[in-house]
Amino acid sequence: MNNKKEREREELHKTIWKIANELRGSVDGWDFKQYVLGLLFYRFISENIENYVNENQRKAGITDFQYRNISDEEALLGKSQILDEKGFFILPSELFCNIRKGADKNENLNVVISNVFNNIEASARGTASEDDVKGLFDDFTIDNKLGNTVDERNEKLVKLLNAIGDLNFGDYEDNNIDLFGDAYEFLMTMYASSAGKSGGEFFTPQEVGELLARIVIMDKTSVNKVYDPACGSGGLLLKFAKILGKENVREGFFGQEINLTTYNLARINMFLHNINYNNFSIERGDTLIHPAHWNDEPFDAIVSNPPYSIKWAGKSNPILINDERFAPAGILAPESKADLAFTMHMLSWLSPKGTAAIVEFPGVLYRGGAEQKIRQYMIDNNFVDTVIQLPPDLFFGTSIATCILVLKKNKQDNNILFVDASEEFVRNTNKNKLSEENINNIVSLLKDRKSVENKSYLATYDEIKDNDYNISVNSYLKTSSNEIEIDIVELNKKIQEIVTKQSQTRKELDEIIKELEFEFID
């Protein structure tokens, strides 16, 4: 991206965040995100529909056609075609630009906007896009959070409509689809950052997503379809569209998410990146118990940052041990730690030629019991390709240093590469961040697949077996935290000084106590 565009992008981001903060007033930022993101999405799909209809009319020779200016009755004549192509329909009178036009004089603005959103969802009922559009605006509830009275709520809605309407995304027909999607991701980054732990549950930092995608892609120029079983807001899936181009994810984007709000964010994210409804399948539900994509697996490309060490049914559900995803290991992940249940699920749905890159909680790499037996199954069957130690403090809501586990079913050797990337970061405000150079360095080590002093180690199967199937990076490669040189002579000297000081202090205390006792006796 050239410097001018980068500056414009940064200015746009600053403006958006300023608006989001200034307009929210007493509303908690995490709650207020639904209004900013919801109206940003409303503007996007309005312009998306407008652009589609205008372009078709101009191709037919009507050069001055403007969808926003025609009657609703005339627009309804083309409704079925628009629905087939876009998956939703918006009447001209209900476009963002037209609702905004009279918003400040509309005493029923809150009702009008709610009705518009209901109508957009209702337009898809009974069509192929119904599941993709249903409930998209469920979180946009105009209630007391926006103000105690209808007038206060309407006043805030007018300000939001104007602020989002004034944002300069350029001419839709040029390239501003990227700007909409980019702005959405920026807002989610900022909300995740300010929300702490609750934000971290739905959002993986973009640069970590970039690393995961590049590990899976390597030198490929296209993939058939990508999958994330704990997709959060969908950012990891969309990295493939950014890196390869969405047309080079040939069969689409697949994800599952258990949280309703986050599930809606993921679908909105797809639309905002101009991924058509027939090219993604984001489903809601518990992936471990009720996986939604049996008919779509296997997948060549899997990326995920599943929730760390959450509880799951495990052996308390007698059906699960016979589930074809978990049965091969002969044991289930512990009920208190579902990490390796997600891993086994992904391994099961990975194609024979595919790659999975999974962010893991460090404990799963070395803990004993059931987790050790699951690791043994994966290693004995040569599915573990690489383990990468990441720097600490990369993720929202936790400062822990996580790892990436890379799985393959078509390995060329039975070794495992261990990479210490704990020093590959730049400090960015209050969090660490992977720079482009950091990402390139890590990917380069994976491509070379050899031992490099202090950076990587290619361990044999026998080494790992002899180490009780422990695959933590610092068992094979000293991470930076273990490389501190200690001067024993200097350390002993300091200890002796401390001991001497303690002895002197104790002596002085004894004297004080004696004096106090003497005074008390007197």
Protein backbone atom coordinates (compact mmCIF):
# COMPACT_ATOMS: atom_id res chain seq x y z
CA MET A 1 0.00 0.00 0.00
CA ASN A 2 1.46 3.38 -0.99
CA ASN A 3 2.12 6.04 1.65
CA LYS A 4 -0.79 8.28 0.57
CA LYS A 5 -3.31 5.45 0.86
CA GLU A 6 -1.80 4.33 4.16
CA ARG A 7 -2.15 7.86 5.55
CA GLU A 8 -5.75 8.06 4.32
CA ARG A 9 -6.47 4.71 5.95
CA GLU A 10 -4.96 5.83 9.26
CA GLU A 11 -6.96 9.06 9.18
CA LEU A 12 -10.14 7.11 8.49
CA HIS A 13 -9.40 4.81 11.43
CA LYS A 14 -8.74 7.73 13.77
CA THR A 15 -12.00 9.36 12.70
CA ILE A 16 -14.01 6.17 13.20
CA TRP A 17 -12.62 5.55 16.66
CA LYS A 18 -13.16 9.20 17.62
CA ILE A 19 -16.80 8.97 16.50
CA ALA A 20 -17.28 5.69 18.35
CA ASN A 21 -15.95 7.20 21.57
CA GLU A 22 -17.58 10.63 21.34
CA LEU A 23 -21.05 9.37 20.51
CA ARG A 24 -21.27 6.55 22.99
CA GLY A 25 -21.55 8.92 25.97
CA SER A 26 -22.39 6.83 29.03
CA VAL A 27 -22.85 3.61 27.03
CA ASP A 28 -20.17 1.01 27.67
CA GLY A 29 -17.88 0.75 24.64
CA TRP A 30 -18.39 -3.00 24.35
CA ASP A 31 -22.18 -2.52 24.23
CA PHE A 32 -21.96 0.49 21.93
CA LYS A 33 -20.08 -1.47 19.26
CA GLN A 34 -23.36 -3.03 18.09
CA TYR A 35 -24.68 0.40 17.01
CA VAL A 36 -21.50 1.53 15.24
CA LEU A 37 -20.92 -1.83 13.53
CA GLY A 38 -24.63 -2.28 12.74
CA LEU A 39 -24.99 1.09 11.01
CA LEU A 40 -21.65 0.67 9.22
CA PHE A 41 -22.98 -2.63 7.87
CA TYR A 42 -26.31 -1.01 6.93
CA ARG A 43 -24.52 1.66 4.93
CA PHE A 44 -22.36 -0.96 3.21
CA ILE A 45 -25.20 -3.23 2.06
CA SER A 46 -27.24 -0.19 0.93
CA GLU A 47 -24.38 0.97 -1.29
CA ASN A 48 -23.75 -2.61 -2.38
CA ILE A 49 -27.35 -2.99 -3.63
CA GLU A 50 -27.30 0.48 -5.22
CA ASN A 51 -24.09 -0.18 -7.07
CA TYR A 52 -25.33 -3.56 -8.34
CA VAL A 53 -28.63 -2.19 -9.72
CA ASN A 54 -27.09 1.01 -11.13
CA GLU A 55 -24.39 -0.94 -12.94
CA ASN A 56 -26.91 -3.32 -14.53
CA GLN A 57 -29.09 -0.43 -15.71
CA ARG A 58 -26.12 1.42 -17.17
CA LYS A 59 -25.07 -1.69 -19.05
CA ALA A 60 -28.60 -1.69 -20.48
CA GLY A 61 -28.04 1.87 -21.72
CA ILE A 62 -29.76 3.91 -18.98
CA THR A 63 -26.69 5.97 -18.12
CA ASP A 64 -28.26 8.35 -15.59
CA PHE A 65 -30.11 5.67 -13.59
CA GLN A 66 -30.05 6.06 -9.77
CA TYR A 67 -31.67 3.30 -7.69
CA ARG A 68 -32.12 5.65 -4.72
CA ASN A 69 -34.42 7.89 -6.78
CA ILE A 70 -36.91 5.35 -8.14
CA SER A 71 -40.18 4.33 -6.46
CA ASP A 72 -40.44 1.26 -4.25
CA GLU A 73 -43.06 -0.16 -6.64
CA GLU A 74 -40.66 0.06 -9.58
CA ALA A 75 -37.85 -1.49 -7.52
CA LEU A 76 -39.99 -4.50 -6.56
CA LEU A 77 -40.07 -5.54 -10.24
CA GLY A 78 -36.41 -6.52 -9.97
CA LYS A 79 -36.54 -7.97 -6.44
CA SER A 80 -36.15 -11.65 -7.38
CA GLN A 81 -33.06 -10.98 -9.51
CA ILE A 82 -31.44 -8.91 -6.74
CA LEU A 83 -32.23 -11.61 -4.18
CA ASP A 84 -30.71 -14.32 -6.38
CA GLU A 85 -27.52 -12.34 -6.79
CA LYS A 86 -27.10 -10.54 -3.48
CA GLY A 87 -29.08 -12.66 -1.03
CA PHE A 88 -31.04 -9.70 0.38
CA PHE A 89 -33.19 -6.83 -0.89
CA ILE A 90 -33.56 -3.19 0.20
CA LEU A 91 -36.29 -0.86 -1.06
CA PRO A 92 -35.05 2.52 -2.37
CA SER A 93 -36.96 4.32 0.42
CA GLU A 94 -35.13 2.18 3.00
CA LEU A 95 -31.58 2.73 1.75
CA PHE A 96 -29.15 4.24 4.26
CA CYS A 97 -28.87 7.49 2.28
CA ASN A 98 -32.64 8.00 2.14
CA ILE A 99 -33.29 7.16 5.80
CA ARG A 100 -30.48 9.51 6.79
CA LYS A 101 -31.91 12.34 4.66
CA GLY A 102 -34.97 12.92 6.85
CA ALA A 103 -33.67 11.39 10.07
CA ASP A 104 -33.48 14.62 12.09
CA LYS A 105 -37.16 15.38 11.46
CA ASN A 106 -38.43 11.82 11.99
CA GLU A 107 -40.00 11.42 15.44
CA ASN A 108 -40.30 7.66 14.85
CA LEU A 109 -36.71 7.16 13.71
CA ASN A 110 -36.06 4.35 16.21
CA VAL A 111 -39.09 2.42 14.93
CA VAL A 112 -38.27 3.16 11.29
CA ILE A 113 -34.71 1.81 11.58
CA SER A 114 -35.92 -1.31 13.43
CA ASN A 115 -38.50 -1.90 10.67
CA VAL A 116 -35.90 -1.44 7.92
CA PHE A 117 -33.64 -4.04 9.53
CA ASN A 118 -36.58 -6.45 9.94
CA ASN A 119 -37.51 -5.93 6.29
CA ILE A 120 -33.97 -6.67 5.09
CA GLU A 121 -33.96 -9.96 7.02
CA ALA A 122 -37.52 -10.79 5.90
CA SER A 123 -36.57 -10.26 2.24
CA ALA A 124 -34.44 -13.42 2.33
CA ARG A 125 -37.08 -15.70 3.84
CA GLY A 126 -37.75 -18.74 1.70
CA THR A 127 -34.66 -18.12 -0.43
CA ALA A 128 -31.24 -19.80 -0.61
CA SER A 129 -29.73 -17.02 1.51
CA GLU A 130 -32.22 -17.20 4.39
CA ASP A 131 -29.81 -18.81 6.88
CA ASP A 132 -27.02 -16.38 6.00
CA VAL A 133 -29.15 -13.27 6.52
CA LYS A 134 -31.47 -14.37 9.35
CA GLY A 135 -30.74 -12.62 12.65
CA LEU A 136 -27.96 -10.37 11.31
CA PHE A 137 -29.40 -7.37 13.16
CA ASP A 138 -30.45 -9.20 16.33
CA ASP A 139 -27.91 -7.31 18.42
CA PHE A 140 -29.03 -3.91 17.14
CA THR A 141 -31.64 -3.28 19.83
CA ILE A 142 -32.66 0.35 20.31
CA ASP A 143 -33.18 0.39 24.06
CA ASN A 144 -32.38 2.44 27.17
CA LYS A 145 -28.64 2.09 26.58
CA LEU A 146 -28.96 4.78 23.90
CA GLY A 147 -31.00 7.13 26.06
CA ASN A 148 -33.78 7.21 28.63
CA THR A 149 -36.40 8.72 26.30
CA VAL A 150 -37.37 8.18 22.67
CA ASP A 151 -36.15 11.71 21.84
CA GLU A 152 -32.73 11.02 23.39
CA ARG A 153 -32.42 7.72 21.52
CA ASN A 154 -33.44 9.32 18.23
CA GLU A 155 -30.99 12.16 18.75
CA LYS A 156 -28.15 9.69 19.19
CA LEU A 157 -29.27 7.67 16.14
CA VAL A 158 -29.25 10.85 14.00
CA LYS A 159 -25.72 11.64 15.14
CA LEU A 160 -24.61 8.07 14.37
CA LEU A 161 -26.24 8.06 10.94
CA ASN A 162 -24.59 11.37 10.06
CA ALA A 163 -21.18 10.40 11.42
CA ILE A 164 -21.11 7.07 9.59
CA GLY A 165 -22.63 8.64 6.48
CA ASP A 166 -19.91 11.31 6.44
CA LEU A 167 -17.04 8.79 6.58
CA ASN A 168 -15.06 9.03 3.37
CA PHE A 169 -14.92 5.55 1.86
CA GLY A 170 -14.49 7.00 -1.62
CA ASP A 171 -16.65 6.04 -4.57
CA TYR A 172 -18.18 2.59 -4.11
CA GLU A 173 -17.56 1.73 -7.75
CA ASP A 174 -13.82 2.29 -7.34
CA ASN A 175 -12.47 0.09 -4.57
CA ASN A 176 -13.99 1.02 -1.27
CA ILE A 177 -15.16 -2.51 -0.47
CA ASP A 178 -11.71 -3.04 1.04
CA LEU A 179 -12.07 0.14 3.09
CA PHE A 180 -15.38 -1.00 4.58
CA GLY A 181 -13.97 -4.40 5.56
CA ASP A 182 -10.77 -2.83 6.82
CA ALA A 183 -12.68 -0.29 8.93
CA TYR A 184 -14.81 -3.08 10.40
CA GLU A 185 -11.73 -5.10 11.37
CA PHE A 186 -10.10 -2.00 12.86
CA LEU A 187 -13.16 -1.32 15.00
CA MET A 188 -13.27 -4.91 16.19
CA THR A 189 -9.57 -4.75 17.07
CA MET A 190 -10.15 -1.62 19.14
CA TYR A 191 -13.24 -3.02 20.85
CA ALA A 192 -11.48 -6.31 21.59
CA SER A 193 -8.53 -4.42 23.04
CA SER A 194 -10.66 -2.25 25.30
CA ALA A 195 -12.90 -5.15 26.32
CA GLY A 196 -9.98 -7.23 27.61
CA LYS A 197 -10.81 -10.88 28.21
CA SER A 198 -14.30 -10.76 26.72
CA GLY A 199 -12.88 -9.19 23.57
CA GLY A 200 -10.11 -11.76 23.31
CA GLU A 201 -12.69 -14.51 23.10
CA PHE A 202 -13.92 -13.40 19.71
CA PHE A 203 -10.95 -11.80 18.06
CA THR A 204 -7.47 -12.99 17.07
CA PRO A 205 -4.97 -10.19 16.28
CA GLN A 206 -4.73 -9.70 12.53
CA GLU A 207 -1.01 -10.36 12.30
CA VAL A 208 -1.42 -13.74 14.08
CA GLY A 209 -4.13 -14.55 11.55
CA GLU A 210 -1.75 -13.61 8.76
CA LEU A 211 0.91 -15.97 10.13
CA LEU A 212 -1.57 -18.86 10.44
CA ALA A 213 -2.81 -18.35 6.88
CA ARG A 214 0.70 -18.12 5.45
CA ILE A 215 1.75 -21.32 7.24
CA VAL A 216 -1.18 -23.13 5.64
CA ILE A 217 -0.77 -21.54 2.20
CA MET A 218 3.05 -21.61 1.93
CA ASP A 219 3.67 -21.51 -1.83
CA LYS A 220 0.11 -22.26 -2.96
CA THR A 221 -1.70 -19.73 -5.15
CA SER A 222 -5.16 -21.10 -4.32
CA VAL A 223 -7.01 -23.41 -1.92
CA ASN A 224 -10.27 -25.27 -2.36
CA LYS A 225 -11.97 -24.16 0.88
CA VAL A 226 -10.96 -22.92 4.32
CA TYR A 227 -12.38 -23.91 7.70
CA ASP A 228 -12.32 -22.65 11.28
CA PRO A 229 -14.32 -24.66 13.86
CA ALA A 230 -14.20 -21.81 16.42
CA CYS A 231 -14.33 -18.92 13.99
CA GLY A 232 -15.13 -16.00 16.33
CA SER A 233 -15.70 -12.95 14.14
CA GLY A 234 -14.35 -14.72 11.04
CA GLY A 235 -11.04 -12.86 10.74
CA LEU A 236 -8.86 -15.96 10.34
CA LEU A 237 -10.94 -17.19 7.40
CA LEU A 238 -10.83 -13.82 5.68
CA LYS A 239 -7.02 -13.73 5.78
CA PHE A 240 -7.10 -16.23 2.91
CA ALA A 241 -9.19 -13.81 0.85
CA LYS A 242 -6.70 -11.03 1.60
CA ILE A 243 -3.57 -13.05 0.81
CA LEU A 244 -4.82 -15.14 -2.13
CA GLY A 245 -7.79 -13.09 -3.39
CA LYS A 246 -11.30 -14.35 -2.61
CA GLU A 247 -11.65 -15.86 -6.10
CA ASN A 248 -8.73 -18.18 -5.23
CA VAL A 249 -10.59 -19.70 -2.31
CA ARG A 250 -12.46 -21.77 -4.85
CA GLU A 251 -15.20 -23.44 -2.81
CA GLY A 252 -15.61 -20.87 -0.07
CA PHE A 253 -15.29 -20.10 3.62
CA PHE A 254 -16.62 -22.40 6.37
CA GLY A 255 -16.84 -21.71 10.10
CA GLN A 256 -18.77 -22.48 13.26
CA GLU A 257 -19.25 -20.29 16.34
CA ILE A 258 -21.17 -20.97 19.55
CA ASN A 259 -21.72 -17.37 20.74
CA LEU A 260 -24.73 -15.65 19.13
CA THR A 261 -23.29 -12.12 19.03
CA THR A 262 -19.97 -13.33 17.65
CA TYR A 263 -21.72 -15.55 15.11
CA ASN A 264 -23.55 -12.47 13.82
CA LEU A 265 -20.28 -10.50 13.72
CA ALA A 266 -18.70 -13.24 11.59
CA ARG A 267 -21.51 -13.23 9.01
CA ILE A 268 -21.49 -9.43 8.84
CA ASN A 269 -17.71 -9.59 8.39
CA MET A 270 -18.16 -11.89 5.38
CA PHE A 271 -20.65 -9.53 3.72
CA LEU A 272 -18.46 -6.49 4.48
CA HIS A 273 -15.56 -8.16 2.65
CA ASN A 274 -17.94 -8.71 -0.27
CA ILE A 275 -18.00 -12.48 0.15
CA ASN A 276 -21.30 -13.49 -1.43
CA TYR A 277 -23.81 -15.49 0.63
CA ASN A 278 -23.36 -18.53 -1.63
CA ASN A 279 -19.62 -18.54 -1.00
CA PHE A 280 -19.60 -18.85 2.80
CA SER A 281 -21.19 -21.05 5.42
CA ILE A 282 -21.00 -19.69 8.96
CA GLU A 283 -23.07 -21.83 11.34
CA ARG A 284 -23.94 -21.47 15.00
CA GLY A 285 -23.48 -24.25 17.53
CA ASP A 286 -21.12 -26.32 19.67
CA THR A 287 -18.56 -27.72 17.23
CA LEU A 288 -17.43 -30.52 19.55
CA ILE A 289 -20.93 -31.90 20.20
CA HIS A 290 -22.88 -30.73 17.14
CA PRO A 291 -20.47 -30.07 14.24
CA ALA A 292 -22.25 -28.30 11.39
CA HIS A 293 -20.15 -29.15 8.35
CA TRP A 294 -20.15 -32.95 8.04
CA ASN A 295 -21.20 -32.61 4.41
CA ASP A 296 -18.40 -30.17 3.57
CA GLU A 297 -15.33 -31.87 5.07
CA PRO A 298 -12.52 -32.68 4.44
CA PHE A 299 -10.74 -29.32 4.16
CA ASP A 300 -7.35 -28.54 2.62
CA ALA A 301 -6.88 -25.44 4.77
CA ILE A 302 -7.77 -25.23 8.48
CA VAL A 303 -6.87 -22.38 10.83
CA SER A 304 -8.14 -21.80 14.34
CA ASN A 305 -7.60 -20.16 17.70
CA PRO A 306 -10.00 -22.27 19.79
CA PRO A 307 -10.89 -21.23 23.36
CA TYR A 308 -8.18 -22.19 25.85
CA SER A 309 -8.86 -25.02 28.29
CA ILE A 310 -12.64 -24.74 28.39
CA LYS A 311 -14.80 -27.51 29.84
CA TRP A 312 -16.60 -29.97 27.57
CA ALA A 313 -18.67 -33.15 27.95
CA GLY A 314 -15.73 -35.53 27.41
CA LYS A 315 -16.15 -39.01 28.90
CA SER A 316 -19.36 -37.96 30.70
CA ASN A 317 -20.99 -38.34 27.27
CA PRO A 318 -20.62 -42.06 26.38
CA ILE A 319 -21.34 -41.41 22.69
CA LEU A 320 -18.24 -39.28 22.15
CA ILE A 321 -15.65 -42.06 22.50
CA ASN A 322 -17.20 -43.68 19.41
CA ASP A 323 -17.34 -40.41 17.46
CA GLU A 324 -15.16 -40.90 14.37
CA ARG A 325 -13.37 -37.62 15.12
CA PHE A 326 -12.16 -38.70 18.57
CA ALA A 327 -12.19 -42.52 18.47
CA PRO A 328 -8.84 -43.03 16.68
CA ALA A 329 -6.88 -41.78 19.72
CA GLY A 330 -8.67 -44.29 21.94
CA ILE A 331 -9.21 -41.67 24.64
CA LEU A 332 -11.00 -38.34 25.01
CA ALA A 333 -9.51 -35.00 26.02
CA PRO A 334 -10.11 -34.26 29.74
CA GLU A 335 -13.50 -32.80 30.63
CA SER A 336 -11.78 -29.76 32.14
CA LYS A 337 -9.61 -29.08 29.06
CA ALA A 338 -11.16 -29.31 25.59
CA ASP A 339 -8.04 -28.08 23.73
CA LEU A 340 -7.09 -31.44 22.22
CA ALA A 341 -10.74 -32.25 21.47
CA PHE A 342 -10.71 -29.28 19.07
CA THR A 343 -7.36 -30.49 17.72
CA MET A 344 -8.66 -34.03 17.09
CA HIS A 345 -11.76 -32.59 15.42
CA MET A 346 -9.59 -30.55 13.04
CA LEU A 347 -7.25 -33.47 12.36
CA SER A 348 -10.24 -35.64 11.48
CA TRP A 349 -11.57 -33.06 9.00
CA LEU A 350 -8.18 -32.31 7.44
CA SER A 351 -7.79 -33.61 3.90
CA PRO A 352 -4.92 -36.01 2.98
CA LYS A 353 -3.09 -33.13 1.26
CA GLY A 354 -4.13 -30.36 3.68
CA THR A 355 -2.50 -28.32 6.46
CA ALA A 356 -3.95 -27.18 9.80
CA ALA A 357 -2.40 -24.36 11.87
CA ILE A 358 -3.84 -24.17 15.39
CA VAL A 359 -3.10 -21.77 18.25
CA GLU A 360 -2.65 -23.93 21.36
CA PHE A 361 -2.41 -23.35 25.09
CA PRO A 362 1.14 -24.45 26.05
CA GLY A 363 0.03 -27.11 28.56
CA VAL A 364 -1.38 -29.40 25.86
CA LEU A 365 2.16 -29.93 24.55
CA TYR A 366 3.57 -31.51 27.70
CA ARG A 367 0.84 -32.49 30.18
CA GLY A 368 0.45 -36.18 31.03
CA GLY A 369 -2.62 -38.41 31.24
CA ALA A 370 -5.17 -38.38 28.43
CA GLU A 371 -3.47 -35.47 26.67
CA GLN A 372 -0.17 -37.39 26.50
CA LYS A 373 -1.98 -40.37 24.93
CA ILE A 374 -3.63 -38.12 22.32
CA ARG A 375 -0.23 -36.60 21.47
CA GLN A 376 1.19 -40.11 21.19
CA TYR A 377 -1.53 -41.05 18.69
CA MET A 378 -0.83 -37.95 16.57
CA ILE A 379 2.96 -38.40 16.68
CA ASP A 380 2.98 -42.19 16.12
CA ASN A 381 0.82 -41.60 13.03
CA ASN A 382 3.13 -38.79 11.82
CA PHE A 383 0.52 -36.01 11.81
CA VAL A 384 2.51 -33.41 13.79
CA ASP A 385 4.61 -31.32 11.40
CA THR A 386 5.78 -28.26 13.39
CA VAL A 387 5.48 -26.65 16.82
CA ILE A 388 6.09 -22.88 17.09
CA GLN A 389 6.65 -21.04 20.37
CA LEU A 390 5.06 -17.58 20.04
CA PRO A 391 6.02 -14.46 22.02
CA PRO A 392 4.03 -13.59 25.17
CA ASP A 393 1.37 -10.86 25.30
CA LEU A 394 0.17 -11.10 21.68
CA PHE A 395 -3.50 -11.78 22.41
CA PHE A 396 -6.26 -9.68 23.93
CA GLY A 397 -7.33 -10.77 27.39
CA THR A 398 -4.21 -12.84 28.16
CA SER A 399 -0.47 -12.25 28.33
CA ILE A 400 0.44 -15.94 28.13
CA ALA A 401 2.91 -17.13 25.48
CA THR A 402 0.90 -19.47 23.25
CA CYS A 403 2.07 -21.90 20.57
CA ILE A 404 1.09 -22.92 17.06
CA LEU A 405 0.66 -26.60 16.26
CA VAL A 406 0.93 -27.46 12.55
CA LEU A 407 -0.69 -30.72 11.42
CA LYS A 408 -0.33 -32.55 8.11
CA LYS A 409 -1.28 -35.97 6.76
CA ASN A 410 1.21 -36.00 3.89
CA LYS A 411 4.55 -35.39 5.60
CA GLN A 412 7.72 -36.25 3.68
CA ASP A 413 9.60 -37.33 6.84
CA ASN A 414 8.75 -38.43 10.37
CA ASN A 415 10.60 -35.57 12.10
CA ILE A 416 9.02 -32.64 13.92
CA LEU A 417 10.34 -29.09 13.52
CA PHE A 418 10.47 -26.95 16.67
CA VAL A 419 10.67 -23.18 16.20
CA ASP A 420 11.42 -20.64 18.93
CA ALA A 421 9.74 -17.42 17.82
CA SER A 422 9.53 -16.01 21.35
CA GLU A 423 11.73 -13.04 20.38
CA GLU A 424 9.96 -12.38 17.07
CA PHE A 425 7.88 -9.36 18.04
CA VAL A 426 7.75 -5.59 18.23
CA ARG A 427 6.22 -3.75 21.17
CA ASN A 428 3.07 -1.97 20.05
CA THR A 429 1.58 0.31 22.73
CA ASN A 430 0.54 -2.06 25.53
CA LYS A 431 0.75 -5.32 23.52
CA ASN A 432 3.39 -7.22 21.58
CA LYS A 433 2.85 -7.55 17.85
CA LEU A 434 4.22 -9.62 14.98
CA SER A 435 5.69 -7.37 12.29
CA GLU A 436 5.86 -8.38 8.64
CA GLU A 437 9.56 -9.13 9.16
CA ASN A 438 8.75 -11.34 12.17
CA ILE A 439 6.20 -13.28 10.14
CA ASN A 440 8.64 -13.68 7.22
CA ASN A 441 11.34 -14.96 9.60
CA ILE A 442 9.02 -17.61 11.05
CA VAL A 443 7.71 -18.76 7.66
CA SER A 444 11.27 -18.93 6.33
CA LEU A 445 12.28 -21.34 9.13
CA LEU A 446 9.31 -23.54 8.30
CA LYS A 447 10.22 -23.61 4.61
CA ASP A 448 13.88 -24.48 5.28
CA ARG A 449 12.89 -27.18 7.80
CA LYS A 450 16.29 -27.62 9.40
CA SER A 451 18.04 -26.93 12.70
CA VAL A 452 19.27 -23.35 13.13
CA GLU A 453 21.11 -22.44 16.33
CA ASN A 454 18.79 -20.84 18.92
CA LYS A 455 15.96 -20.64 16.39
CA SER A 456 14.83 -24.08 15.25
CA TYR A 457 15.46 -27.76 15.85
CA LEU A 458 14.46 -30.73 13.69
CA ALA A 459 13.80 -33.57 16.14
CA THR A 460 13.56 -37.22 15.13
CA TYR A 461 10.62 -39.43 16.00
CA ASP A 462 12.85 -41.47 18.37
CA GLU A 463 13.93 -38.34 20.27
CA ILE A 464 10.30 -37.38 20.82
CA LYS A 465 9.27 -40.89 21.79
CA ASP A 466 12.15 -41.09 24.29
CA ASN A 467 10.97 -37.75 25.72
CA ASP A 468 7.54 -39.27 26.55
CA TYR A 469 5.89 -37.46 23.61
CA ASN A 470 6.56 -34.06 25.16
CA ILE A 471 6.48 -31.55 22.30
CA SER A 472 6.99 -28.25 24.11
CA VAL A 473 9.55 -26.17 22.22
CA ASN A 474 11.81 -25.55 25.20
CA SER A 475 12.30 -29.31 25.63
CA TYR A 476 14.26 -29.35 22.37
CA LEU A 477 15.37 -25.77 21.95
CA LYS A 478 16.32 -23.37 24.71
CA THR A 479 13.90 -20.46 24.53
CA SER A 480 15.10 -16.98 25.42
CA SER A 481 13.80 -17.27 28.96
CA ASN A 482 16.28 -20.10 29.55
CA GLU A 483 19.28 -18.36 28.03
CA ILE A 484 20.08 -15.87 30.79
CA GLU A 485 23.74 -16.24 31.74
CA ILE A 486 24.33 -16.36 35.51
CA ASP A 487 27.62 -15.29 37.06
CA ILE A 488 27.84 -17.72 40.00
CA VAL A 489 30.69 -15.83 41.73
CA GLU A 490 28.77 -12.56 41.56
CA LEU A 491 25.57 -14.28 42.70
CA ASN A 492 27.33 -15.82 45.74
CA LYS A 493 28.80 -12.44 46.61
CA LYS A 494 25.34 -10.83 46.58
CA ILE A 495 23.86 -13.66 48.66
CA GLN A 496 26.64 -13.20 51.25
CA GLU A 497 25.91 -9.45 51.40
CA ILE A 498 22.21 -10.16 51.97
CA VAL A 499 23.01 -12.69 54.72
CA THR A 500 25.35 -10.20 56.46
CA LYS A 501 22.68 -7.47 56.28
CA GLN A 502 20.05 -9.83 57.66
CA SER A 503 22.37 -10.78 60.54
CA GLN A 504 23.00 -7.13 61.37
CA THR A 505 19.29 -6.32 61.20
CA ARG A 506 18.46 -9.24 63.47
CA LYS A 507 21.11 -8.08 65.99
CA GLU A 508 19.66 -4.55 66.00
CA LEU A 509 16.14 -5.92 66.49
CA ASP A 510 17.30 -8.03 69.44
CA GLU A 511 18.78 -4.93 71.08
CA ILE A 512 15.53 -2.98 70.61
CA ILE A 513 13.46 -5.84 72.05
CA LYS A 514 15.77 -6.07 75.09
CA GLU A 515 15.36 -2.34 75.75
CA LEU A 516 11.59 -2.60 75.45
CA GLU A 517 11.47 -5.55 77.81
CA PHE A 518 13.61 -3.68 80.36
CA GLU A 519 11.32 -0.62 80.20
CA PHE A 520 8.24 -2.83 80.54
CA ILE A 521 9.68 -4.56 83.66
CA ASP A 522 10.49 -1.19 85.21
